[in-house]
Amino acid sequence: MDDGILTSLKTRIAKLKGEREEYLNAFLKERQIVTDLELEMNKLRAEFEHTQYSIKEKEEVIANYNKMIANSERAYSMFVESSSKLLTVLEKEAGTLKEKVKVPPKP
């Protein structure tokens, strides 16, 4: 066999190995990028889920506050109305008692 052909084959094989090494390095870099992105996505997904849960809890607390405030305002209105009625009744009764027990003025 011709030494020139063998040398050319060795050179070509070496060149192919070099090209393969470049592609392998590019492949490994991209693979690392994918791995890093997957980790970041998992972290963001966990943060997203945590935030959603927190929002849901806060919505429930706000709904409870709204309900408690509405109930308190309704009870307060009823109390004010009852107090007003009670005051009217007391004033009427006090007037009636004064009429029944007319105290003569002191001489």
Protein backbone atom coordinates (compact mmCIF):
# COMPACT_ATOMS: atom_id res chain seq x y z
CA MET A 1 0.00 0.00 0.00
CA ASP A 2 1.08 3.51 -0.69
CA ASP A 3 2.35 5.50 2.30
CA GLY A 4 0.71 8.62 0.89
CA ILE A 5 -2.71 7.01 1.02
CA LEU A 6 -2.16 5.79 4.58
CA THR A 7 -0.98 9.21 5.63
CA SER A 8 -3.99 10.82 3.94
CA LEU A 9 -6.31 8.34 5.70
CA LYS A 10 -4.69 9.05 9.08
CA THR A 11 -4.94 12.78 8.45
CA ARG A 12 -8.59 12.51 7.41
CA ILE A 13 -9.41 10.33 10.45
CA ALA A 14 -7.65 12.83 12.73
CA LYS A 15 -9.61 15.67 11.11
CA LEU A 16 -12.89 13.73 11.60
CA LYS A 17 -12.00 13.16 15.25
CA GLY A 18 -11.35 16.90 15.66
CA GLU A 19 -14.71 17.77 14.08
CA ARG A 20 -16.41 15.18 16.27
CA GLU A 21 -14.76 16.76 19.33
CA GLU A 22 -16.11 20.19 18.35
CA TYR A 23 -19.63 18.82 17.92
CA LEU A 24 -19.32 16.87 21.17
CA ASN A 25 -18.29 20.03 23.03
CA ALA A 26 -21.17 21.99 21.48
CA PHE A 27 -23.55 19.13 22.36
CA LEU A 28 -22.35 19.02 25.98
CA LYS A 29 -22.70 22.80 26.33
CA GLU A 30 -26.26 22.71 25.01
CA ARG A 31 -27.05 19.71 27.19
CA GLN A 32 -25.85 21.69 30.22
CA ILE A 33 -28.01 24.63 29.17
CA VAL A 34 -31.04 22.32 28.99
CA THR A 35 -30.25 20.90 32.43
CA ASP A 36 -29.87 24.40 33.89
CA LEU A 37 -33.13 25.52 32.29
CA GLU A 38 -34.94 22.46 33.66
CA LEU A 39 -33.70 23.27 37.16
CA GLU A 40 -34.75 26.89 36.79
CA MET A 41 -38.18 25.85 35.47
CA ASN A 42 -38.67 23.49 38.42
CA LYS A 43 -37.70 26.25 40.83
CA LEU A 44 -40.06 28.71 39.13
CA ARG A 45 -42.86 26.13 39.06
CA ALA A 46 -42.47 25.51 42.79
CA GLU A 47 -42.44 29.26 43.47
CA PHE A 48 -45.52 29.70 41.26
CA GLU A 49 -47.43 26.95 43.08
CA HIS A 50 -46.45 28.37 46.47
CA THR A 51 -47.60 31.84 45.42
CA GLN A 52 -50.90 30.49 44.08
CA TYR A 53 -51.52 28.70 47.38
CA SER A 54 -50.69 31.87 49.31
CA ILE A 55 -53.09 33.90 47.16
CA LYS A 56 -55.86 31.36 47.72
CA GLU A 57 -55.35 31.50 51.48
CA LYS A 58 -55.41 35.29 51.45
CA GLU A 59 -58.60 35.31 49.37
CA GLU A 60 -60.25 33.06 51.98
CA VAL A 61 -59.09 35.32 54.83
CA ILE A 62 -60.40 38.41 53.00
CA ALA A 63 -63.75 36.66 52.42
CA ASN A 64 -63.94 35.85 56.15
CA TYR A 65 -63.14 39.47 57.03
CA ASN A 66 -65.84 40.68 54.62
CA LYS A 67 -68.37 38.29 56.16
CA MET A 68 -67.43 39.27 59.72
CA ILE A 69 -67.62 42.98 58.90
CA ALA A 70 -71.01 42.58 57.18
CA ASN A 71 -72.38 40.63 60.16
CA SER A 72 -71.00 43.19 62.62
CA GLU A 73 -72.44 46.11 60.65
CA ARG A 74 -75.83 44.36 60.46
CA ALA A 75 -75.77 43.68 64.24
CA TYR A 76 -74.70 47.28 64.94
CA SER A 77 -77.59 48.62 62.82
CA MET A 78 -80.03 46.39 64.69
CA PHE A 79 -78.54 47.55 68.02
CA VAL A 80 -78.87 51.21 67.04
CA GLU A 81 -82.47 50.65 65.93
CA SER A 82 -83.30 48.80 69.16
CA SER A 83 -81.59 51.46 71.26
CA SER A 84 -83.56 54.18 69.51
CA LYS A 85 -86.82 52.32 70.14
CA LEU A 86 -85.83 51.72 73.76
CA LEU A 87 -85.06 55.41 74.25
CA THR A 88 -88.43 56.37 72.78
CA VAL A 89 -90.23 53.91 75.07
CA LEU A 90 -88.28 55.09 78.13
CA GLU A 91 -89.04 58.74 77.42
CA LYS A 92 -92.73 57.94 76.97
CA GLU A 93 -92.87 55.89 80.19
CA ALA A 94 -90.97 58.56 82.10
CA GLY A 95 -93.51 61.11 80.87
CA THR A 96 -96.36 58.85 81.92
CA LEU A 97 -94.86 58.39 85.39
CA LYS A 98 -94.40 62.13 85.83
CA GLU A 99 -98.07 62.63 84.96
CA LYS A 100 -99.16 59.99 87.48
CA VAL A 101 -96.97 61.30 90.27
CA LYS A 102 -97.35 64.97 90.01
CA VAL A 103 -95.32 66.30 92.83
CA PRO A 104 -96.67 69.55 94.13
CA PRO A 105 -94.11 72.32 94.17
CA LYS A 106 -92.50 73.12 97.50
CA PRO A 107 -93.94 76.10 99.31
